[in-house]
Amino acid sequence: AVLVNDFGSVNIDSELVVGVEDDMISLANGCVCCEIRDD
């Protein structure tokens, strides 16, 4: 799991994206990319 300040700064291959929910992107390789919004 990668916590980032802004999704826009990470170039994620669209073919890897299997799900998007609020501030989390799920990838086909089992990884997730999460945006830090508050705490």
PDB file of all heavy atoms in Angstrom:
ATOM      1  N   ALA A   1       0.863  -1.185   0.000  1.00  0.00           N
ATOM      2  CA  ALA A   1       0.000   0.000   0.000  1.00  0.00           C
ATOM      3  C   ALA A   1       0.895   1.228   0.000  1.00  0.00           C
ATOM      4  O   ALA A   1       1.855   1.302   0.775  1.00  0.00           O
ATOM      5  CB  ALA A   1      -0.910   0.012   1.223  1.00  0.00           C
ATOM      6  N   VAL A   2       0.601   2.174  -0.886  1.00  0.00           N
ATOM      7  CA  VAL A   2       1.381   3.398  -0.981  1.00  0.00           C
ATOM      8  C   VAL A   2       0.492   4.571  -0.605  1.00  0.00           C
ATOM      9  O   VAL A   2      -0.561   4.787  -1.206  1.00  0.00           O
ATOM     10  CB  VAL A   2       1.934   3.591  -2.410  1.00  0.00           C
ATOM     11  CG1 VAL A   2       2.720   4.894  -2.505  1.00  0.00           C
ATOM     12  CG2 VAL A   2       2.823   2.413  -2.797  1.00  0.00           C
ATOM     13  N   LEU A   3       0.910   5.322   0.396  1.00  0.00           N
ATOM     14  CA  LEU A   3       0.192   6.519   0.820  1.00  0.00           C
ATOM     15  C   LEU A   3       0.853   7.743   0.189  1.00  0.00           C
ATOM     16  O   LEU A   3       2.048   7.973   0.364  1.00  0.00           O
ATOM     17  CB  LEU A   3       0.222   6.645   2.347  1.00  0.00           C
ATOM     18  CG  LEU A   3      -0.721   5.716   3.115  1.00  0.00           C
ATOM     19  CD1 LEU A   3      -0.344   5.677   4.587  1.00  0.00           C
ATOM     20  CD2 LEU A   3      -2.166   6.171   2.958  1.00  0.00           C
ATOM     21  N   VAL A   4       0.080   8.523  -0.558  1.00  0.00           N
ATOM     22  CA  VAL A   4       0.614   9.684  -1.264  1.00  0.00           C
ATOM     23  C   VAL A   4      -0.228  10.910  -0.931  1.00  0.00           C
ATOM     24  O   VAL A   4      -1.380  10.806  -0.484  1.00  0.00           O
ATOM     25  CB  VAL A   4       0.622   9.465  -2.791  1.00  0.00           C
ATOM     26  CG1 VAL A   4       1.573   8.338  -3.166  1.00  0.00           C
ATOM     27  CG2 VAL A   4      -0.776   9.174  -3.314  1.00  0.00           C
ATOM     28  N   ASN A   5       0.348  12.073  -1.168  1.00  0.00           N
ATOM     29  CA  ASN A   5      -0.368  13.320  -0.908  1.00  0.00           C
ATOM     30  C   ASN A   5      -1.369  13.638  -2.009  1.00  0.00           C
ATOM     31  O   ASN A   5      -2.373  14.290  -1.768  1.00  0.00           O
ATOM     32  CB  ASN A   5       0.633  14.474  -0.779  1.00  0.00           C
ATOM     33  CG  ASN A   5       1.518  14.335   0.431  1.00  0.00           C
ATOM     34  OD1 ASN A   5       1.056  14.431   1.563  1.00  0.00           O
ATOM     35  ND2 ASN A   5       2.790  14.088   0.209  1.00  0.00           N
ATOM     36  N   ASP A   6      -1.083  13.163  -3.231  1.00  0.00           N
ATOM     37  CA  ASP A   6      -1.931  13.521  -4.368  1.00  0.00           C
ATOM     38  C   ASP A   6      -1.853  12.406  -5.405  1.00  0.00           C
ATOM     39  O   ASP A   6      -0.771  12.041  -5.863  1.00  0.00           O
ATOM     40  CB  ASP A   6      -1.459  14.843  -4.974  1.00  0.00           C
ATOM     41  CG  ASP A   6      -2.283  15.276  -6.174  1.00  0.00           C
ATOM     42  OD1 ASP A   6      -3.389  14.723  -6.351  1.00  0.00           O
ATOM     43  OD2 ASP A   6      -1.821  16.159  -6.918  1.00  0.00           O
ATOM     44  N   PHE A   7      -3.011  11.874  -5.781  1.00  0.00           N
ATOM     45  CA  PHE A   7      -3.036  10.835  -6.808  1.00  0.00           C
ATOM     46  C   PHE A   7      -2.422  11.319  -8.123  1.00  0.00           C
ATOM     47  O   PHE A   7      -1.810  10.557  -8.863  1.00  0.00           O
ATOM     48  CB  PHE A   7      -4.479  10.402  -7.093  1.00  0.00           C
ATOM     49  CG  PHE A   7      -5.017   9.433  -6.081  1.00  0.00           C
ATOM     50  CD1 PHE A   7      -6.368   9.402  -5.793  1.00  0.00           C
ATOM     51  CD2 PHE A   7      -4.184   8.543  -5.420  1.00  0.00           C
ATOM     52  CE1 PHE A   7      -6.879   8.501  -4.872  1.00  0.00           C
ATOM     53  CE2 PHE A   7      -4.677   7.642  -4.505  1.00  0.00           C
ATOM     54  CZ  PHE A   7      -6.041   7.626  -4.224  1.00  0.00           C
ATOM     55  N   GLY A   8      -2.585  12.601  -8.408  1.00  0.00           N
ATOM     56  CA  GLY A   8      -2.151  13.117  -9.693  1.00  0.00           C
ATOM     57  C   GLY A   8      -0.652  13.039  -9.914  1.00  0.00           C
ATOM     58  O   GLY A   8      -0.182  13.100 -11.049  1.00  0.00           O
ATOM     59  N   SER A   9       0.114  12.905  -8.821  1.00  0.00           N
ATOM     60  CA  SER A   9       1.569  12.866  -8.958  1.00  0.00           C
ATOM     61  C   SER A   9       2.085  11.483  -9.303  1.00  0.00           C
ATOM     62  O   SER A   9       3.261  11.321  -9.630  1.00  0.00           O
ATOM     63  CB  SER A   9       2.227  13.329  -7.653  1.00  0.00           C
ATOM     64  OG  SER A   9       1.925  12.419  -6.601  1.00  0.00           O
ATOM     65  N   VAL A  10       1.227  10.462  -9.232  1.00  0.00           N
ATOM     66  CA  VAL A  10       1.645   9.087  -9.497  1.00  0.00           C
ATOM     67  C   VAL A  10       1.012   8.618 -10.795  1.00  0.00           C
ATOM     68  O   VAL A  10      -0.215   8.581 -10.930  1.00  0.00           O
ATOM     69  CB  VAL A  10       1.231   8.149  -8.345  1.00  0.00           C
ATOM     70  CG1 VAL A  10       1.724   6.736  -8.618  1.00  0.00           C
ATOM     71  CG2 VAL A  10       1.798   8.648  -7.022  1.00  0.00           C
ATOM     72  N   ASN A  11       1.844   8.277 -11.756  1.00  0.00           N
ATOM     73  CA  ASN A  11       1.362   7.824 -13.062  1.00  0.00           C
ATOM     74  C   ASN A  11       1.038   6.340 -13.006  1.00  0.00           C
ATOM     75  O   ASN A  11       1.918   5.486 -13.138  1.00  0.00           O
ATOM     76  CB  ASN A  11       2.426   8.098 -14.133  1.00  0.00           C
ATOM     77  CG  ASN A  11       1.960   7.664 -15.512  1.00  0.00           C
ATOM     78  OD1 ASN A  11       0.754   7.595 -15.773  1.00  0.00           O
ATOM     79  ND2 ASN A  11       2.896   7.371 -16.391  1.00  0.00           N
ATOM     80  N   ILE A  12      -0.239   6.013 -12.818  1.00  0.00           N
ATOM     81  CA  ILE A  12      -0.667   4.626 -12.693  1.00  0.00           C
ATOM     82  C   ILE A  12      -1.202   4.135 -14.033  1.00  0.00           C
ATOM     83  O   ILE A  12      -2.074   4.765 -14.641  1.00  0.00           O
ATOM     84  CB  ILE A  12      -1.751   4.482 -11.605  1.00  0.00           C
ATOM     85  CG1 ILE A  12      -1.205   4.972 -10.261  1.00  0.00           C
ATOM     86  CG2 ILE A  12      -2.211   3.032 -11.495  1.00  0.00           C
ATOM     87  CD1 ILE A  12      -2.244   4.974  -9.160  1.00  0.00           C
ATOM     88  N   ASP A  13      -0.677   3.023 -14.492  1.00  0.00           N
ATOM     89  CA  ASP A  13      -1.137   2.417 -15.738  1.00  0.00           C
ATOM     90  C   ASP A  13      -2.617   2.066 -15.605  1.00  0.00           C
ATOM     91  O   ASP A  13      -3.015   1.310 -14.723  1.00  0.00           O
ATOM     92  CB  ASP A  13      -0.316   1.154 -16.027  1.00  0.00           C
ATOM     93  CG  ASP A  13      -0.604   0.575 -17.406  1.00  0.00           C
ATOM     94  OD1 ASP A  13      -1.644   0.929 -17.992  1.00  0.00           O
ATOM     95  OD2 ASP A  13       0.209  -0.235 -17.877  1.00  0.00           O
ATOM     96  N   SER A  14      -3.441   2.616 -16.496  1.00  0.00           N
ATOM     97  CA  SER A  14      -4.892   2.407 -16.402  1.00  0.00           C
ATOM     98  C   SER A  14      -5.272   0.941 -16.516  1.00  0.00           C
ATOM     99  O   SER A  14      -6.292   0.504 -15.977  1.00  0.00           O
ATOM    100  CB  SER A  14      -5.614   3.212 -17.486  1.00  0.00           C
ATOM    101  OG  SER A  14      -5.176   2.810 -18.776  1.00  0.00           O
ATOM    102  N   GLU A  15      -4.453   0.138 -17.193  1.00  0.00           N
ATOM    103  CA  GLU A  15      -4.766  -1.280 -17.331  1.00  0.00           C
ATOM    104  C   GLU A  15      -4.598  -2.034 -16.018  1.00  0.00           C
ATOM    105  O   GLU A  15      -5.124  -3.137 -15.864  1.00  0.00           O
ATOM    106  CB  GLU A  15      -3.865  -1.905 -18.405  1.00  0.00           C
ATOM    107  CG  GLU A  15      -4.132  -1.364 -19.813  1.00  0.00           C
ATOM    108  CD  GLU A  15      -3.282  -2.063 -20.853  1.00  0.00           C
ATOM    109  OE1 GLU A  15      -2.488  -2.936 -20.467  1.00  0.00           O
ATOM    110  OE2 GLU A  15      -3.419  -1.721 -22.042  1.00  0.00           O
ATOM    111  N   LEU A  16      -3.854  -1.425 -15.077  1.00  0.00           N
ATOM    112  CA  LEU A  16      -3.669  -2.068 -13.776  1.00  0.00           C
ATOM    113  C   LEU A  16      -4.803  -1.773 -12.807  1.00  0.00           C
ATOM    114  O   LEU A  16      -5.012  -2.500 -11.843  1.00  0.00           O
ATOM    115  CB  LEU A  16      -2.354  -1.600 -13.144  1.00  0.00           C
ATOM    116  CG  LEU A  16      -1.077  -2.353 -13.508  1.00  0.00           C
ATOM    117  CD1 LEU A  16       0.109  -1.716 -12.797  1.00  0.00           C
ATOM    118  CD2 LEU A  16      -1.178  -3.817 -13.115  1.00  0.00           C
ATOM    119  N   VAL A  17      -5.535  -0.682 -13.038  1.00  0.00           N
ATOM    120  CA  VAL A  17      -6.568  -0.245 -12.096  1.00  0.00           C
ATOM    121  C   VAL A  17      -7.778  -1.168 -12.181  1.00  0.00           C
ATOM    122  O   VAL A  17      -8.375  -1.340 -13.242  1.00  0.00           O
ATOM    123  CB  VAL A  17      -6.982   1.205 -12.384  1.00  0.00           C
ATOM    124  CG1 VAL A  17      -8.100   1.635 -11.449  1.00  0.00           C
ATOM    125  CG2 VAL A  17      -5.782   2.135 -12.247  1.00  0.00           C
ATOM    126  N   VAL A  18      -8.128  -1.764 -11.042  1.00  0.00           N
ATOM    127  CA  VAL A  18      -9.281  -2.658 -11.001  1.00  0.00           C
ATOM    128  C   VAL A  18     -10.409  -2.101 -10.142  1.00  0.00           C
ATOM    129  O   VAL A  18     -11.501  -2.667 -10.111  1.00  0.00           O
ATOM    130  CB  VAL A  18      -8.876  -4.059 -10.476  1.00  0.00           C
ATOM    131  CG1 VAL A  18      -7.908  -4.719 -11.440  1.00  0.00           C
ATOM    132  CG2 VAL A  18      -8.286  -3.975  -9.080  1.00  0.00           C
ATOM    133  N   GLY A  19     -10.156  -1.017  -9.416  1.00  0.00           N
ATOM    134  CA  GLY A  19     -11.200  -0.441  -8.595  1.00  0.00           C
ATOM    135  C   GLY A  19     -10.798   0.907  -8.047  1.00  0.00           C
ATOM    136  O   GLY A  19      -9.634   1.141  -7.730  1.00  0.00           O
ATOM    137  N   VAL A  20     -11.765   1.831  -7.963  1.00  0.00           N
ATOM    138  CA  VAL A  20     -11.537   3.159  -7.404  1.00  0.00           C
ATOM    139  C   VAL A  20     -12.663   3.446  -6.411  1.00  0.00           C
ATOM    140  O   VAL A  20     -13.837   3.354  -6.750  1.00  0.00           O
ATOM    141  CB  VAL A  20     -11.515   4.252  -8.494  1.00  0.00           C
ATOM    142  CG1 VAL A  20     -11.300   5.617  -7.857  1.00  0.00           C
ATOM    143  CG2 VAL A  20     -10.441   3.964  -9.526  1.00  0.00           C
ATOM    144  N   GLU A  21     -12.276   3.763  -5.180  1.00  0.00           N
ATOM    145  CA  GLU A  21     -13.277   4.054  -4.160  1.00  0.00           C
ATOM    146  C   GLU A  21     -12.787   5.196  -3.296  1.00  0.00           C
ATOM    147  O   GLU A  21     -11.835   5.046  -2.524  1.00  0.00           O
ATOM    148  CB  GLU A  21     -13.530   2.817  -3.291  1.00  0.00           C
ATOM    149  CG  GLU A  21     -14.612   3.034  -2.241  1.00  0.00           C
ATOM    150  CD  GLU A  21     -14.889   1.782  -1.422  1.00  0.00           C
ATOM    151  OE1 GLU A  21     -14.387   0.710  -1.794  1.00  0.00           O
ATOM    152  OE2 GLU A  21     -15.595   1.891  -0.405  1.00  0.00           O
ATOM    153  N   ASP A  22     -13.428   6.360  -3.427  1.00  0.00           N
ATOM    154  CA  ASP A  22     -13.067   7.558  -2.680  1.00  0.00           C
ATOM    155  C   ASP A  22     -11.574   7.853  -2.838  1.00  0.00           C
ATOM    156  O   ASP A  22     -11.132   8.221  -3.905  1.00  0.00           O
ATOM    157  CB  ASP A  22     -13.452   7.405  -1.203  1.00  0.00           C
ATOM    158  CG  ASP A  22     -14.957   7.304  -1.024  1.00  0.00           C
ATOM    159  OD1 ASP A  22     -15.678   7.885  -1.853  1.00  0.00           O
ATOM    160  OD2 ASP A  22     -15.399   6.621  -0.084  1.00  0.00           O
ATOM    161  N   ASP A  23     -10.800   7.655  -1.762  1.00  0.00           N
ATOM    162  CA  ASP A  23      -9.387   8.017  -1.801  1.00  0.00           C
ATOM    163  C   ASP A  23      -8.483   6.787  -1.887  1.00  0.00           C
ATOM    164  O   ASP A  23      -7.371   6.787  -1.386  1.00  0.00           O
ATOM    165  CB  ASP A  23      -9.008   8.848  -0.575  1.00  0.00           C
ATOM    166  CG  ASP A  23      -9.347   8.149   0.733  1.00  0.00           C
ATOM    167  OD1 ASP A  23     -10.016   7.100   0.680  1.00  0.00           O
ATOM    168  OD2 ASP A  23      -8.931   8.649   1.791  1.00  0.00           O
ATOM    169  N   MET A  24      -8.959   5.742  -2.557  1.00  0.00           N
ATOM    170  CA  MET A  24      -8.158   4.532  -2.706  1.00  0.00           C
ATOM    171  C   MET A  24      -8.307   3.962  -4.107  1.00  0.00           C
ATOM    172  O   MET A  24      -9.401   3.883  -4.641  1.00  0.00           O
ATOM    173  CB  MET A  24      -8.562   3.478  -1.672  1.00  0.00           C
ATOM    174  CG  MET A  24      -7.736   2.179  -1.763  1.00  0.00           C
ATOM    175  SD  MET A  24      -8.214   0.937  -0.515  1.00  0.00           S
ATOM    176  CE  MET A  24      -7.734   1.788   0.988  1.00  0.00           C
ATOM    177  N   ILE A  25      -7.171   3.573  -4.700  1.00  0.00           N
ATOM    178  CA  ILE A  25      -7.151   2.923  -6.002  1.00  0.00           C
ATOM    179  C   ILE A  25      -6.597   1.512  -5.822  1.00  0.00           C
ATOM    180  O   ILE A  25      -5.506   1.332  -5.272  1.00  0.00           O
ATOM    181  CB  ILE A  25      -6.276   3.697  -7.013  1.00  0.00           C
ATOM    182  CG1 ILE A  25      -6.855   5.093  -7.270  1.00  0.00           C
ATOM    183  CG2 ILE A  25      -6.156   2.941  -8.324  1.00  0.00           C
ATOM    184  CD1 ILE A  25      -5.981   5.948  -8.170  1.00  0.00           C
ATOM    185  N   SER A  26      -7.345   0.513  -6.252  1.00  0.00           N
ATOM    186  CA  SER A  26      -6.901  -0.877  -6.163  1.00  0.00           C
ATOM    187  C   SER A  26      -6.312  -1.301  -7.503  1.00  0.00           C
ATOM    188  O   SER A  26      -6.857  -0.988  -8.561  1.00  0.00           O
ATOM    189  CB  SER A  26      -8.080  -1.793  -5.807  1.00  0.00           C
ATOM    190  OG  SER A  26      -8.634  -1.424  -4.566  1.00  0.00           O
ATOM    191  N   LEU A  27      -5.196  -2.019  -7.434  1.00  0.00           N
ATOM    192  CA  LEU A  27      -4.487  -2.433  -8.637  1.00  0.00           C
ATOM    193  C   LEU A  27      -4.526  -3.939  -8.808  1.00  0.00           C
ATOM    194  O   LEU A  27      -4.691  -4.696  -7.858  1.00  0.00           O
ATOM    195  CB  LEU A  27      -3.029  -1.959  -8.586  1.00  0.00           C
ATOM    196  CG  LEU A  27      -2.817  -0.457  -8.342  1.00  0.00           C
ATOM    197  CD1 LEU A  27      -1.344  -0.123  -8.334  1.00  0.00           C
ATOM    198  CD2 LEU A  27      -3.546   0.357  -9.395  1.00  0.00           C
ATOM    199  N   ALA A  28      -4.335  -4.368 -10.051  1.00  0.00           N
ATOM    200  CA  ALA A  28      -4.450  -5.791 -10.382  1.00  0.00           C
ATOM    201  C   ALA A  28      -3.350  -6.625  -9.732  1.00  0.00           C
ATOM    202  O   ALA A  28      -3.507  -7.825  -9.547  1.00  0.00           O
ATOM    203  CB  ALA A  28      -4.419  -5.983 -11.897  1.00  0.00           C
ATOM    204  N   ASN A  29      -2.209  -6.008  -9.402  1.00  0.00           N
ATOM    205  CA  ASN A  29      -1.112  -6.768  -8.805  1.00  0.00           C
ATOM    206  C   ASN A  29      -1.225  -6.903  -7.290  1.00  0.00           C
ATOM    207  O   ASN A  29      -0.290  -7.345  -6.631  1.00  0.00           O
ATOM    208  CB  ASN A  29       0.234  -6.124  -9.170  1.00  0.00           C
ATOM    209  CG  ASN A  29       0.335  -4.674  -8.717  1.00  0.00           C
ATOM    210  OD1 ASN A  29      -0.548  -4.168  -8.023  1.00  0.00           O
ATOM    211  ND2 ASN A  29       1.395  -4.009  -9.107  1.00  0.00           N
ATOM    212  N   GLY A  30      -2.373  -6.510  -6.738  1.00  0.00           N
ATOM    213  CA  GLY A  30      -2.592  -6.640  -5.307  1.00  0.00           C
ATOM    214  C   GLY A  30      -2.212  -5.416  -4.509  1.00  0.00           C
ATOM    215  O   GLY A  30      -2.450  -5.367  -3.298  1.00  0.00           O
ATOM    216  N   CYS A  31      -1.600  -4.419  -5.146  1.00  0.00           N
ATOM    217  CA  CYS A  31      -1.219  -3.191  -4.455  1.00  0.00           C
ATOM    218  C   CYS A  31      -2.405  -2.223  -4.397  1.00  0.00           C
ATOM    219  O   CYS A  31      -3.360  -2.336  -5.166  1.00  0.00           O
ATOM    220  CB  CYS A  31      -0.049  -2.512  -5.164  1.00  0.00           C
ATOM    221  SG  CYS A  31       1.470  -3.471  -5.189  1.00  0.00           S
ATOM    222  N   VAL A  32      -2.324  -1.274  -3.485  1.00  0.00           N
ATOM    223  CA  VAL A  32      -3.299  -0.190  -3.425  1.00  0.00           C
ATOM    224  C   VAL A  32      -2.545   1.122  -3.314  1.00  0.00           C
ATOM    225  O   VAL A  32      -1.427   1.183  -2.802  1.00  0.00           O
ATOM    226  CB  VAL A  32      -4.281  -0.336  -2.238  1.00  0.00           C
ATOM    227  CG1 VAL A  32      -5.150  -1.559  -2.406  1.00  0.00           C
ATOM    228  CG2 VAL A  32      -3.552  -0.361  -0.907  1.00  0.00           C
ATOM    229  N   CYS A  33      -3.165   2.178  -3.810  1.00  0.00           N
ATOM    230  CA  CYS A  33      -2.605   3.517  -3.735  1.00  0.00           C
ATOM    231  C   CYS A  33      -3.629   4.391  -3.018  1.00  0.00           C
ATOM    232  O   CYS A  33      -4.775   4.513  -3.478  1.00  0.00           O
ATOM    233  CB  CYS A  33      -2.311   4.056  -5.128  1.00  0.00           C
ATOM    234  SG  CYS A  33      -1.431   5.634  -5.141  1.00  0.00           S
ATOM    235  N   CYS A  34      -3.253   4.953  -1.881  1.00  0.00           N
ATOM    236  CA  CYS A  34      -4.194   5.701  -1.045  1.00  0.00           C
ATOM    237  C   CYS A  34      -3.758   7.157  -0.932  1.00  0.00           C
ATOM    238  O   CYS A  34      -2.576   7.457  -0.794  1.00  0.00           O
ATOM    239  CB  CYS A  34      -4.276   5.091   0.353  1.00  0.00           C
ATOM    240  SG  CYS A  34      -4.672   3.342   0.368  1.00  0.00           S
ATOM    241  N   GLU A  35      -4.756   8.044  -0.965  1.00  0.00           N
ATOM    242  CA  GLU A  35      -4.487   9.473  -0.842  1.00  0.00           C
ATOM    243  C   GLU A  35      -4.690   9.905   0.606  1.00  0.00           C
ATOM    244  O   GLU A  35      -5.680   9.566   1.237  1.00  0.00           O
ATOM    245  CB  GLU A  35      -5.414  10.271  -1.751  1.00  0.00           C
ATOM    246  CG  GLU A  35      -5.061  11.739  -1.842  1.00  0.00           C
ATOM    247  CD  GLU A  35      -5.904  12.461  -2.875  1.00  0.00           C
ATOM    248  OE1 GLU A  35      -6.911  11.887  -3.339  1.00  0.00           O
ATOM    249  OE2 GLU A  35      -5.556  13.593  -3.227  1.00  0.00           O
ATOM    250  N   ILE A  36      -3.688  10.633   1.133  1.00  0.00           N
ATOM    251  CA  ILE A  36      -3.779  11.143   2.500  1.00  0.00           C
ATOM    252  C   ILE A  36      -4.576  12.435   2.476  1.00  0.00           C
ATOM    253  O   ILE A  36      -4.144  13.424   1.872  1.00  0.00           O
ATOM    254  CB  ILE A  36      -2.377  11.399   3.083  1.00  0.00           C
ATOM    255  CG1 ILE A  36      -1.508  10.150   2.964  1.00  0.00           C
ATOM    256  CG2 ILE A  36      -2.465  11.837   4.537  1.00  0.00           C
ATOM    257  CD1 ILE A  36      -0.050  10.395   3.307  1.00  0.00           C
ATOM    258  N   ARG A  37      -5.720  12.426   3.133  1.00  0.00           N
ATOM    259  CA  ARG A  37      -6.550  13.633   3.122  1.00  0.00           C
ATOM    260  C   ARG A  37      -6.559  14.342   4.475  1.00  0.00           C
ATOM    261  O   ARG A  37      -6.511  15.548   4.549  1.00  0.00           O
ATOM    262  CB  ARG A  37      -7.982  13.270   2.716  1.00  0.00           C
ATOM    263  CG  ARG A  37      -8.097  12.854   1.261  1.00  0.00           C
ATOM    264  CD  ARG A  37      -9.536  12.690   0.849  1.00  0.00           C
ATOM    265  NE  ARG A  37      -9.667  12.392  -0.576  1.00  0.00           N
ATOM    266  CZ  ARG A  37     -10.820  12.179  -1.185  1.00  0.00           C
ATOM    267  NH1 ARG A  37     -11.957  12.215  -0.491  1.00  0.00           N
ATOM    268  NH2 ARG A  37     -10.867  11.926  -2.484  1.00  0.00           N
ATOM    269  N   ASP A  38      -6.657  13.578   5.528  1.00  0.00           N
ATOM    270  CA  ASP A  38      -6.742  14.196   6.851  1.00  0.00           C
ATOM    271  C   ASP A  38      -5.645  13.653   7.765  1.00  0.00           C
ATOM    272  O   ASP A  38      -4.485  13.954   7.586  1.00  0.00           O
ATOM    273  CB  ASP A  38      -8.134  13.961   7.445  1.00  0.00           C
ATOM    274  CG  ASP A  38      -9.226  14.577   6.608  1.00  0.00           C
ATOM    275  OD1 ASP A  38      -9.110  15.767   6.296  1.00  0.00           O
ATOM    276  OD2 ASP A  38     -10.184  13.871   6.255  1.00  0.00           O
ATOM    277  N   ASP A  39      -6.032  12.827   8.713  1.00  0.00           N
ATOM    278  CA  ASP A  39      -5.100  12.344   9.714  1.00  0.00           C
ATOM    279  C   ASP A  39      -4.262  11.186   9.172  1.00  0.00           C
ATOM    280  O   ASP A  39      -4.789  10.199   8.650  1.00  0.00           O
ATOM    281  CB  ASP A  39      -5.876  11.891  10.956  1.00  0.00           C
ATOM    282  CG  ASP A  39      -4.946  11.461  12.062  1.00  0.00           C
ATOM    283  OD1 ASP A  39      -4.212  12.311  12.568  1.00  0.00           O
ATOM    284  OD2 ASP A  39      -4.945  10.265  12.393  1.00  0.00           O
TER     285      ASP A  39
END
